[in-house]
Amino acid sequence: MAMPAAALSFPPELLLRAQGSGLGLKAAIFDVDGCLTDGRIYIGESGEQFKAFSTLDGQGLKLLMQGGITPLVITGRDSPAVRRRVADLGLQHAIYGVHDKLAAAGPLLASLGLDWADLAVMGDDWPDLPLMQRAAFACAPANAHAEAKALAQHVTAAAGGHGAAREFCDLMLMANGRYASLLHGHLTTLDGA
């Protein structure tokens, strides 16, 4: 049986921009609130925090790892909900509760042997701007602040927490030549049999 072509497509000029420096992107930094969630924080009467995450985004992050692009999380808030989601997805690199995301990113990138030219960033608000400005490719969700959208090379059709991160992951995988093989692998089998 012939494998169907991918239904998803992006404009060629966007795919070129999302390739980074030409050697392909090696990692992507994700903000949490507003990118992996819709930005709302629910606080119970005992002070516990609740956040909603999209399963589409979670699958996108897993596919990104399978495609050889390392997802990194740098978030200004710390909560058990975020730590649980990061752990459930098997993400190996996360920094929580940082005020200065740029200062936090430097040592993380150095420890992984990465440079800004190897990196994409998804951010939605002012704390993400220094990262977005330095990355080879920057993306913002549809519901991002105007300044984040202005720095982004791509603004997703989906809002944060509603598939925006998945769109970003799909774009990076497609631009870096990894989308089709991952899709075909999933059409064949999910368990490697």
N, C-alpha and C. Protein backbone atom coordinates (compact mmCIF):
# COMPACT_ATOMS: atom_id res chain seq x y z
N MET A 1 0.84 -1.18 0.00
CA MET A 1 0.00 0.00 0.00
C MET A 1 0.89 1.25 0.00
N ALA A 2 0.60 2.18 -0.87
CA ALA A 2 1.37 3.42 -0.97
C ALA A 2 1.06 4.34 0.20
N MET A 3 2.09 4.99 0.66
CA MET A 3 1.92 5.95 1.76
C MET A 3 1.33 7.24 1.21
N PRO A 4 0.30 7.77 1.86
CA PRO A 4 -0.26 9.05 1.40
C PRO A 4 0.70 10.20 1.69
N ALA A 5 0.58 11.22 0.88
CA ALA A 5 1.38 12.43 1.11
C ALA A 5 0.86 13.15 2.34
N ALA A 6 1.72 13.93 2.95
CA ALA A 6 1.31 14.71 4.12
C ALA A 6 0.23 15.70 3.74
N ALA A 7 -0.79 15.81 4.56
CA ALA A 7 -1.87 16.76 4.33
C ALA A 7 -1.46 18.18 4.72
N LEU A 8 -0.53 18.28 5.64
CA LEU A 8 -0.08 19.58 6.16
C LEU A 8 0.93 20.20 5.22
N SER A 9 0.85 21.50 5.05
CA SER A 9 1.86 22.20 4.26
C SER A 9 2.04 23.61 4.81
N PHE A 10 3.20 24.15 4.54
CA PHE A 10 3.54 25.52 4.91
C PHE A 10 4.11 26.21 3.67
N PRO A 11 4.02 27.53 3.59
CA PRO A 11 4.61 28.24 2.45
C PRO A 11 6.12 27.99 2.35
N PRO A 12 6.65 27.84 1.15
CA PRO A 12 8.09 27.56 0.99
C PRO A 12 9.00 28.57 1.67
N GLU A 13 8.65 29.85 1.62
CA GLU A 13 9.50 30.88 2.23
C GLU A 13 9.54 30.72 3.76
N LEU A 14 8.43 30.28 4.35
CA LEU A 14 8.41 30.03 5.80
C LEU A 14 9.26 28.81 6.14
N LEU A 15 9.18 27.77 5.33
CA LEU A 15 10.00 26.57 5.55
C LEU A 15 11.48 26.92 5.48
N LEU A 16 11.86 27.78 4.56
CA LEU A 16 13.27 28.20 4.46
C LEU A 16 13.71 28.94 5.72
N ARG A 17 12.87 29.84 6.22
CA ARG A 17 13.22 30.58 7.44
C ARG A 17 13.32 29.65 8.65
N ALA A 18 12.46 28.63 8.69
CA ALA A 18 12.42 27.71 9.83
C ALA A 18 13.54 26.67 9.80
N GLN A 19 14.36 26.70 8.76
CA GLN A 19 15.50 25.79 8.71
C GLN A 19 16.66 26.30 9.55
N GLY A 20 16.58 27.54 9.97
CA GLY A 20 17.68 28.10 10.75
C GLY A 20 18.85 28.46 9.86
N SER A 21 20.04 28.15 10.32
CA SER A 21 21.27 28.57 9.64
C SER A 21 21.60 27.74 8.40
N GLY A 22 20.80 26.78 8.07
CA GLY A 22 21.09 25.93 6.93
C GLY A 22 21.55 24.55 7.35
N LEU A 23 22.07 24.43 8.57
CA LEU A 23 22.47 23.12 9.09
C LEU A 23 21.32 22.45 9.82
N GLY A 24 20.20 23.14 9.94
CA GLY A 24 19.03 22.60 10.62
C GLY A 24 19.02 22.97 12.09
N LEU A 25 17.84 23.12 12.62
CA LEU A 25 17.69 23.45 14.03
C LEU A 25 17.94 22.22 14.88
N LYS A 26 18.58 22.43 16.01
CA LYS A 26 18.90 21.32 16.92
C LYS A 26 18.06 21.32 18.18
N ALA A 27 17.48 22.47 18.52
CA ALA A 27 16.71 22.58 19.76
C ALA A 27 15.70 23.71 19.63
N ALA A 28 14.71 23.68 20.52
CA ALA A 28 13.69 24.73 20.56
C ALA A 28 13.31 25.00 22.00
N ILE A 29 13.30 26.28 22.36
CA ILE A 29 12.88 26.70 23.69
C ILE A 29 11.39 27.03 23.64
N PHE A 30 10.66 26.53 24.63
CA PHE A 30 9.24 26.82 24.76
C PHE A 30 8.98 27.51 26.08
N ASP A 31 8.22 28.60 26.03
CA ASP A 31 7.64 29.18 27.23
C ASP A 31 6.42 28.31 27.57
N VAL A 32 5.96 28.35 28.80
CA VAL A 32 4.81 27.54 29.19
C VAL A 32 3.53 28.37 29.15
N ASP A 33 3.37 29.32 30.07
CA ASP A 33 2.12 30.07 30.17
C ASP A 33 1.94 30.95 28.94
N GLY A 34 0.89 30.67 28.18
CA GLY A 34 0.61 31.42 26.97
C GLY A 34 1.07 30.71 25.71
N CYS A 35 1.93 29.71 25.84
CA CYS A 35 2.39 28.93 24.69
C CYS A 35 1.94 27.48 24.81
N LEU A 36 2.32 26.82 25.90
CA LEU A 36 1.87 25.44 26.14
C LEU A 36 0.53 25.42 26.88
N THR A 37 0.13 26.56 27.41
CA THR A 37 -1.20 26.72 28.01
C THR A 37 -1.84 27.96 27.39
N ASP A 38 -3.10 28.20 27.72
CA ASP A 38 -3.76 29.39 27.18
C ASP A 38 -3.40 30.66 27.95
N GLY A 39 -2.53 30.53 28.94
CA GLY A 39 -2.07 31.68 29.70
C GLY A 39 -2.87 31.94 30.96
N ARG A 40 -3.99 31.27 31.11
CA ARG A 40 -4.79 31.45 32.32
C ARG A 40 -4.26 30.54 33.42
N ILE A 41 -4.33 31.01 34.65
CA ILE A 41 -3.92 30.23 35.80
C ILE A 41 -5.12 30.15 36.74
N TYR A 42 -5.53 28.94 37.01
CA TYR A 42 -6.65 28.72 37.93
C TYR A 42 -6.07 28.46 39.31
N ILE A 43 -6.56 29.21 40.31
CA ILE A 43 -6.06 29.07 41.67
C ILE A 43 -7.21 28.67 42.57
N GLY A 44 -7.07 27.51 43.20
CA GLY A 44 -8.09 27.02 44.12
C GLY A 44 -8.05 27.77 45.44
N GLU A 45 -9.07 27.56 46.25
CA GLU A 45 -9.16 28.31 47.50
C GLU A 45 -8.04 27.97 48.47
N SER A 46 -7.38 26.83 48.28
CA SER A 46 -6.23 26.46 49.12
C SER A 46 -4.91 26.92 48.51
N GLY A 47 -5.00 27.63 47.38
CA GLY A 47 -3.79 28.14 46.74
C GLY A 47 -3.21 27.24 45.67
N GLU A 48 -3.82 26.06 45.45
CA GLU A 48 -3.29 25.16 44.42
C GLU A 48 -3.57 25.74 43.03
N GLN A 49 -2.63 25.50 42.11
CA GLN A 49 -2.74 26.02 40.75
C GLN A 49 -3.13 24.90 39.79
N PHE A 50 -3.97 25.27 38.83
CA PHE A 50 -4.39 24.35 37.80
C PHE A 50 -4.13 24.99 36.44
N LYS A 51 -3.66 24.18 35.51
CA LYS A 51 -3.41 24.64 34.14
C LYS A 51 -3.90 23.58 33.19
N ALA A 52 -4.34 23.99 32.03
CA ALA A 52 -4.79 23.04 31.01
C ALA A 52 -3.75 22.99 29.89
N PHE A 53 -3.38 21.78 29.51
CA PHE A 53 -2.41 21.56 28.43
C PHE A 53 -3.09 20.82 27.29
N SER A 54 -2.67 21.10 26.08
CA SER A 54 -3.22 20.44 24.89
C SER A 54 -2.48 19.14 24.61
N THR A 55 -3.24 18.08 24.33
CA THR A 55 -2.62 16.82 23.94
C THR A 55 -1.96 16.94 22.57
N LEU A 56 -2.49 17.81 21.71
CA LEU A 56 -1.84 18.05 20.41
C LEU A 56 -0.42 18.59 20.63
N ASP A 57 -0.29 19.54 21.53
CA ASP A 57 1.02 20.11 21.83
C ASP A 57 1.95 19.05 22.41
N GLY A 58 1.43 18.23 23.31
CA GLY A 58 2.24 17.17 23.91
C GLY A 58 2.77 16.20 22.86
N GLN A 59 1.91 15.80 21.93
CA GLN A 59 2.35 14.91 20.85
C GLN A 59 3.38 15.61 19.98
N GLY A 60 3.20 16.89 19.73
CA GLY A 60 4.17 17.64 18.94
C GLY A 60 5.55 17.66 19.59
N LEU A 61 5.59 17.85 20.90
CA LEU A 61 6.87 17.85 21.62
C LEU A 61 7.53 16.48 21.56
N LYS A 62 6.73 15.42 21.68
CA LYS A 62 7.29 14.06 21.56
C LYS A 62 7.84 13.83 20.15
N LEU A 63 7.10 14.27 19.13
CA LEU A 63 7.57 14.11 17.75
C LEU A 63 8.85 14.92 17.52
N LEU A 64 8.92 16.09 18.13
CA LEU A 64 10.12 16.91 17.99
C LEU A 64 11.34 16.14 18.50
N MET A 65 11.19 15.50 19.67
CA MET A 65 12.29 14.69 20.22
C MET A 65 12.63 13.54 19.27
N GLN A 66 11.62 12.86 18.76
CA GLN A 66 11.85 11.74 17.83
C GLN A 66 12.55 12.22 16.56
N GLY A 67 12.28 13.46 16.18
CA GLY A 67 12.89 14.03 14.98
C GLY A 67 14.27 14.61 15.21
N GLY A 68 14.79 14.48 16.43
CA GLY A 68 16.15 14.93 16.71
C GLY A 68 16.28 16.40 17.07
N ILE A 69 15.17 17.06 17.35
CA ILE A 69 15.20 18.46 17.79
C ILE A 69 14.83 18.46 19.27
N THR A 70 15.72 18.93 20.11
CA THR A 70 15.54 18.86 21.56
C THR A 70 14.63 19.98 22.07
N PRO A 71 13.49 19.63 22.68
CA PRO A 71 12.66 20.67 23.30
C PRO A 71 13.24 21.09 24.65
N LEU A 72 13.29 22.39 24.87
CA LEU A 72 13.75 22.97 26.12
C LEU A 72 12.63 23.84 26.68
N VAL A 73 12.41 23.79 27.97
CA VAL A 73 11.38 24.62 28.59
C VAL A 73 12.06 25.62 29.50
N ILE A 74 11.74 26.88 29.30
CA ILE A 74 12.19 27.94 30.21
C ILE A 74 10.95 28.76 30.54
N THR A 75 10.57 28.72 31.82
CA THR A 75 9.33 29.36 32.22
C THR A 75 9.55 30.26 33.43
N GLY A 76 8.81 31.34 33.46
CA GLY A 76 8.92 32.29 34.55
C GLY A 76 8.21 31.85 35.81
N ARG A 77 7.35 30.86 35.70
CA ARG A 77 6.61 30.37 36.88
C ARG A 77 7.02 28.94 37.17
N ASP A 78 6.82 28.56 38.40
CA ASP A 78 7.08 27.18 38.80
C ASP A 78 5.83 26.66 39.48
N SER A 79 5.40 25.49 39.08
CA SER A 79 4.23 24.90 39.71
C SER A 79 4.29 23.39 39.56
N PRO A 80 3.66 22.67 40.47
CA PRO A 80 3.62 21.22 40.35
C PRO A 80 2.97 20.77 39.03
N ALA A 81 1.98 21.52 38.55
CA ALA A 81 1.31 21.14 37.30
C ALA A 81 2.28 21.17 36.12
N VAL A 82 3.11 22.21 36.04
CA VAL A 82 4.08 22.31 34.94
C VAL A 82 5.14 21.22 35.07
N ARG A 83 5.65 21.02 36.27
CA ARG A 83 6.65 19.97 36.47
C ARG A 83 6.09 18.60 36.10
N ARG A 84 4.84 18.36 36.44
CA ARG A 84 4.21 17.08 36.11
C ARG A 84 4.09 16.91 34.60
N ARG A 85 3.66 17.95 33.90
CA ARG A 85 3.50 17.87 32.44
C ARG A 85 4.84 17.64 31.77
N VAL A 86 5.86 18.35 32.18
CA VAL A 86 7.21 18.18 31.62
C VAL A 86 7.69 16.75 31.85
N ALA A 87 7.49 16.23 33.05
CA ALA A 87 7.91 14.85 33.35
C ALA A 87 7.11 13.84 32.55
N ASP A 88 5.80 14.04 32.45
CA ASP A 88 4.95 13.11 31.70
C ASP A 88 5.36 13.03 30.23
N LEU A 89 5.82 14.13 29.68
CA LEU A 89 6.24 14.16 28.28
C LEU A 89 7.67 13.65 28.08
N GLY A 90 8.40 13.46 29.18
CA GLY A 90 9.77 12.98 29.07
C GLY A 90 10.76 14.04 28.63
N LEU A 91 10.42 15.31 28.85
CA LEU A 91 11.33 16.39 28.48
C LEU A 91 12.48 16.42 29.48
N GLN A 92 13.69 16.46 28.97
CA GLN A 92 14.88 16.34 29.81
C GLN A 92 15.43 17.67 30.31
N HIS A 93 15.05 18.76 29.66
CA HIS A 93 15.68 20.05 29.99
C HIS A 93 14.61 21.10 30.25
N ALA A 94 14.48 21.51 31.51
CA ALA A 94 13.51 22.53 31.88
C ALA A 94 14.07 23.39 33.00
N ILE A 95 13.80 24.68 32.90
CA ILE A 95 14.19 25.63 33.94
C ILE A 95 12.92 26.34 34.37
N TYR A 96 12.65 26.32 35.67
CA TYR A 96 11.39 26.83 36.21
C TYR A 96 11.63 28.08 37.07
N GLY A 97 10.65 28.97 37.06
CA GLY A 97 10.64 30.09 37.98
C GLY A 97 11.74 31.10 37.79
N VAL A 98 12.11 31.38 36.53
CA VAL A 98 13.20 32.32 36.28
C VAL A 98 12.65 33.69 35.87
N HIS A 99 13.25 34.71 36.41
CA HIS A 99 12.87 36.08 36.04
C HIS A 99 13.56 36.49 34.75
N ASP A 100 14.84 36.18 34.63
CA ASP A 100 15.64 36.56 33.47
C ASP A 100 15.88 35.31 32.61
N LYS A 101 15.06 35.13 31.60
CA LYS A 101 15.14 33.93 30.77
C LYS A 101 16.43 33.88 29.96
N LEU A 102 16.93 35.03 29.56
CA LEU A 102 18.18 35.07 28.80
C LEU A 102 19.35 34.57 29.66
N ALA A 103 19.41 35.03 30.90
CA ALA A 103 20.47 34.59 31.81
C ALA A 103 20.37 33.08 32.08
N ALA A 104 19.16 32.56 32.13
CA ALA A 104 18.96 31.13 32.35
C ALA A 104 19.31 30.31 31.11
N ALA A 105 19.04 30.85 29.94
CA ALA A 105 19.27 30.12 28.69
C ALA A 105 20.75 29.92 28.40
N GLY A 106 21.58 30.91 28.71
CA GLY A 106 23.01 30.83 28.38
C GLY A 106 23.69 29.57 28.90
N PRO A 107 23.64 29.31 30.20
CA PRO A 107 24.28 28.10 30.72
C PRO A 107 23.65 26.81 30.19
N LEU A 108 22.34 26.81 29.97
CA LEU A 108 21.68 25.62 29.44
C LEU A 108 22.19 25.32 28.03
N LEU A 109 22.24 26.34 27.19
CA LEU A 109 22.73 26.13 25.83
C LEU A 109 24.19 25.69 25.84
N ALA A 110 25.00 26.29 26.69
CA ALA A 110 26.41 25.91 26.78
C ALA A 110 26.55 24.46 27.21
N SER A 111 25.73 24.02 28.17
CA SER A 111 25.83 22.64 28.65
C SER A 111 25.44 21.63 27.57
N LEU A 112 24.62 22.06 26.63
CA LEU A 112 24.19 21.19 25.54
C LEU A 112 25.02 21.37 24.27
N GLY A 113 26.01 22.27 24.32
CA GLY A 113 26.84 22.53 23.16
C GLY A 113 26.10 23.20 22.03
N LEU A 114 25.12 24.05 22.38
CA LEU A 114 24.29 24.72 21.38
C LEU A 114 24.61 26.20 21.31
N ASP A 115 24.35 26.76 20.16
CA ASP A 115 24.49 28.19 19.91
C ASP A 115 23.12 28.73 19.50
N TRP A 116 22.94 30.02 19.55
CA TRP A 116 21.66 30.62 19.16
C TRP A 116 21.29 30.27 17.72
N ALA A 117 22.28 30.06 16.86
CA ALA A 117 22.02 29.71 15.47
C ALA A 117 21.40 28.32 15.33
N ASP A 118 21.50 27.50 16.37
CA ASP A 118 20.95 26.14 16.36
C ASP A 118 19.52 26.09 16.90
N LEU A 119 18.99 27.23 17.28
CA LEU A 119 17.84 27.28 18.17
C LEU A 119 16.63 28.01 17.59
N ALA A 120 15.46 27.47 17.90
CA ALA A 120 14.19 28.16 17.67
C ALA A 120 13.58 28.47 19.03
N VAL A 121 12.70 29.45 19.08
CA VAL A 121 12.05 29.85 20.33
C VAL A 121 10.58 30.11 20.07
N MET A 122 9.73 29.65 20.99
CA MET A 122 8.32 30.03 20.98
C MET A 122 8.04 30.80 22.26
N GLY A 123 7.63 32.05 22.11
CA GLY A 123 7.31 32.89 23.25
C GLY A 123 6.10 33.75 22.96
N ASP A 124 5.51 34.28 24.04
CA ASP A 124 4.28 35.05 23.86
C ASP A 124 4.26 36.41 24.54
N ASP A 125 5.30 36.74 25.31
CA ASP A 125 5.22 38.01 26.05
C ASP A 125 6.62 38.57 26.28
N TRP A 126 6.69 39.70 26.91
CA TRP A 126 7.94 40.44 27.07
C TRP A 126 9.08 39.61 27.64
N PRO A 127 8.89 38.76 28.66
CA PRO A 127 10.03 38.00 29.17
C PRO A 127 10.68 37.09 28.13
N ASP A 128 9.96 36.77 27.06
CA ASP A 128 10.48 35.90 26.01
C ASP A 128 11.23 36.66 24.91
N LEU A 129 11.08 37.97 24.86
CA LEU A 129 11.63 38.76 23.76
C LEU A 129 13.14 38.61 23.59
N PRO A 130 13.96 38.63 24.66
CA PRO A 130 15.40 38.49 24.45
C PRO A 130 15.77 37.15 23.80
N LEU A 131 15.03 36.09 24.13
CA LEU A 131 15.29 34.78 23.52
C LEU A 131 14.87 34.79 22.06
N MET A 132 13.70 35.34 21.79
CA MET A 132 13.18 35.38 20.42
C MET A 132 14.08 36.20 19.51
N GLN A 133 14.64 37.27 20.04
CA GLN A 133 15.50 38.16 19.26
C GLN A 133 16.80 37.48 18.85
N ARG A 134 17.31 36.57 19.66
CA ARG A 134 18.60 35.94 19.41
C ARG A 134 18.52 34.63 18.63
N ALA A 135 17.38 33.97 18.68
CA ALA A 135 17.23 32.66 18.07
C ALA A 135 17.26 32.74 16.55
N ALA A 136 17.62 31.63 15.93
CA ALA A 136 17.62 31.54 14.47
C ALA A 136 16.20 31.64 13.92
N PHE A 137 15.23 31.19 14.70
CA PHE A 137 13.83 31.24 14.27
C PHE A 137 12.96 31.47 15.49
N ALA A 138 12.05 32.42 15.40
CA ALA A 138 11.16 32.74 16.51
C ALA A 138 9.71 32.62 16.07
N CYS A 139 8.90 32.11 16.98
CA CYS A 139 7.48 31.88 16.71
C CYS A 139 6.67 32.40 17.90
N ALA A 140 5.47 32.88 17.61
CA ALA A 140 4.56 33.33 18.66
C ALA A 140 3.19 32.73 18.38
N PRO A 141 2.45 32.39 19.44
CA PRO A 141 1.08 31.92 19.24
C PRO A 141 0.16 33.07 18.85
N ALA A 142 -1.00 32.73 18.31
CA ALA A 142 -1.95 33.73 17.84
C ALA A 142 -2.37 34.71 18.92
N ASN A 143 -2.39 34.26 20.18
CA ASN A 143 -2.84 35.12 21.27
C ASN A 143 -1.69 35.81 22.00
N ALA A 144 -0.52 35.88 21.38
CA ALA A 144 0.65 36.52 22.00
C ALA A 144 0.49 38.03 22.04
N HIS A 145 1.30 38.65 22.89
CA HIS A 145 1.37 40.10 22.95
C HIS A 145 1.92 40.64 21.63
N ALA A 146 1.55 41.86 21.28
CA ALA A 146 1.95 42.47 20.01
C ALA A 146 3.46 42.50 19.82
N GLU A 147 4.23 42.73 20.89
CA GLU A 147 5.70 42.81 20.75
C GLU A 147 6.30 41.44 20.42
N ALA A 148 5.73 40.38 20.97
CA ALA A 148 6.20 39.03 20.63
C ALA A 148 5.86 38.71 19.18
N LYS A 149 4.67 39.07 18.75
CA LYS A 149 4.29 38.84 17.36
C LYS A 149 5.20 39.61 16.40
N ALA A 150 5.59 40.81 16.80
CA ALA A 150 6.45 41.64 15.94
C ALA A 150 7.83 41.02 15.75
N LEU A 151 8.35 40.32 16.77
CA LEU A 151 9.67 39.69 16.66
C LEU A 151 9.61 38.32 15.98
N ALA A 152 8.44 37.72 15.93
CA ALA A 152 8.31 36.36 15.41
C ALA A 152 8.41 36.32 13.88
N GLN A 153 9.07 35.29 13.38
CA GLN A 153 9.05 35.03 11.94
C GLN A 153 7.78 34.29 11.54
N HIS A 154 7.11 33.70 12.55
CA HIS A 154 5.84 33.02 12.29
C HIS A 154 4.92 33.20 13.49
N VAL A 155 3.68 33.56 13.23
CA VAL A 155 2.63 33.60 14.24
C VAL A 155 1.66 32.48 13.89
N THR A 156 1.44 31.58 14.82
CA THR A 156 0.61 30.41 14.55
C THR A 156 -0.85 30.81 14.34
N ALA A 157 -1.56 29.96 13.63
CA ALA A 157 -3.00 30.14 13.48
C ALA A 157 -3.71 29.80 14.79
N ALA A 158 -3.16 28.83 15.51
CA ALA A 158 -3.75 28.39 16.78
C ALA A 158 -3.27 29.27 17.94
N ALA A 159 -4.09 29.34 18.96
CA ALA A 159 -3.73 30.07 20.17
C ALA A 159 -2.91 29.18 21.09
N GLY A 160 -2.19 29.81 22.01
CA GLY A 160 -1.44 29.07 23.01
C GLY A 160 -2.35 28.17 23.82
N GLY A 161 -1.89 26.93 24.04
CA GLY A 161 -2.69 25.96 24.77
C GLY A 161 -3.75 25.29 23.94
N HIS A 162 -3.85 25.66 22.68
CA HIS A 162 -4.86 25.10 21.77
C HIS A 162 -4.23 24.63 20.46
N GLY A 163 -3.01 24.12 20.53
CA GLY A 163 -2.36 23.58 19.35
C GLY A 163 -1.29 24.46 18.74
N ALA A 164 -0.99 25.61 19.33
CA ALA A 164 0.04 26.49 18.78
C ALA A 164 1.42 25.83 18.81
N ALA A 165 1.74 25.18 19.91
CA ALA A 165 3.05 24.52 20.01
C ALA A 165 3.14 23.37 19.00
N ARG A 166 2.04 22.67 18.76
CA ARG A 166 2.04 21.59 17.77
C ARG A 166 2.32 22.15 16.38
N GLU A 167 1.69 23.26 16.06
CA GLU A 167 1.93 23.89 14.76
C GLU A 167 3.41 24.25 14.61
N PHE A 168 3.98 24.80 15.66
CA PHE A 168 5.40 25.17 15.68
C PHE A 168 6.27 23.92 15.51
N CYS A 169 5.95 22.85 16.23
CA CYS A 169 6.71 21.60 16.11
C CYS A 169 6.61 21.04 14.70
N ASP A 170 5.41 20.99 14.16
CA ASP A 170 5.22 20.48 12.80
C ASP A 170 6.02 21.29 11.79
N LEU A 171 5.99 22.60 11.94
CA LEU A 171 6.74 23.48 11.05
C LEU A 171 8.23 23.18 11.12
N MET A 172 8.77 23.07 12.33
CA MET A 172 10.21 22.80 12.47
C MET A 172 10.57 21.43 11.89
N LEU A 173 9.74 20.44 12.15
CA LEU A 173 10.01 19.10 11.62
C LEU A 173 9.96 19.09 10.09
N MET A 174 8.99 19.78 9.53
CA MET A 174 8.87 19.83 8.08
C MET A 174 10.04 20.60 7.47
N ALA A 175 10.38 21.73 8.04
CA ALA A 175 11.46 22.57 7.51
C ALA A 175 12.80 21.86 7.59
N ASN A 176 12.96 21.02 8.57
CA ASN A 176 14.23 20.35 8.77
C ASN A 176 14.23 18.91 8.23
N GLY A 177 13.24 18.60 7.39
CA GLY A 177 13.22 17.35 6.65
C GLY A 177 12.89 16.11 7.45
N ARG A 178 12.19 16.25 8.56
CA ARG A 178 11.93 15.09 9.42
C ARG A 178 10.45 14.72 9.53
N TYR A 179 9.58 15.57 9.04
CA TYR A 179 8.14 15.37 9.20
C TYR A 179 7.65 14.12 8.47
N ALA A 180 8.00 13.98 7.19
CA ALA A 180 7.47 12.88 6.37
C ALA A 180 7.84 11.51 6.92
N SER A 181 9.08 11.33 7.35
CA SER A 181 9.48 10.02 7.86
C SER A 181 8.77 9.70 9.18
N LEU A 182 8.55 10.70 10.02
CA LEU A 182 7.81 10.47 11.26
C LEU A 182 6.35 10.12 10.96
N LEU A 183 5.75 10.82 10.02
CA LEU A 183 4.37 10.54 9.64
C LEU A 183 4.25 9.13 9.08
N HIS A 184 5.14 8.77 8.17
CA HIS A 184 5.09 7.43 7.58
C HIS A 184 5.31 6.35 8.63
N GLY A 185 6.18 6.61 9.59
CA GLY A 185 6.39 5.66 10.67
C GLY A 185 5.14 5.43 11.49
N HIS A 186 4.37 6.51 11.71
CA HIS A 186 3.14 6.37 12.49
C HIS A 186 2.02 5.73 11.67
N LEU A 187 2.07 5.91 10.36
CA LEU A 187 1.07 5.26 9.50
C LEU A 187 1.32 3.74 9.43
N THR A 188 2.57 3.36 9.60
CA THR A 188 2.94 1.95 9.52
C THR A 188 2.67 1.25 10.85
N THR A 189 3.24 1.77 11.93
CA THR A 189 3.07 1.17 13.25
C THR A 189 3.49 2.15 14.31
N LEU A 190 2.91 2.05 15.46
CA LEU A 190 3.30 2.89 16.58
C LEU A 190 4.22 2.17 17.55
N ASP A 191 4.31 0.86 17.44
CA ASP A 191 5.10 0.10 18.42
C ASP A 191 6.39 -0.48 17.87
N GLY A 192 6.74 -0.10 16.65
CA GLY A 192 8.00 -0.57 16.09
C GLY A 192 7.97 -2.01 15.61
N ALA A 193 6.81 -2.66 15.63
CA ALA A 193 6.70 -4.07 15.21
C ALA A 193 6.72 -4.19 13.70
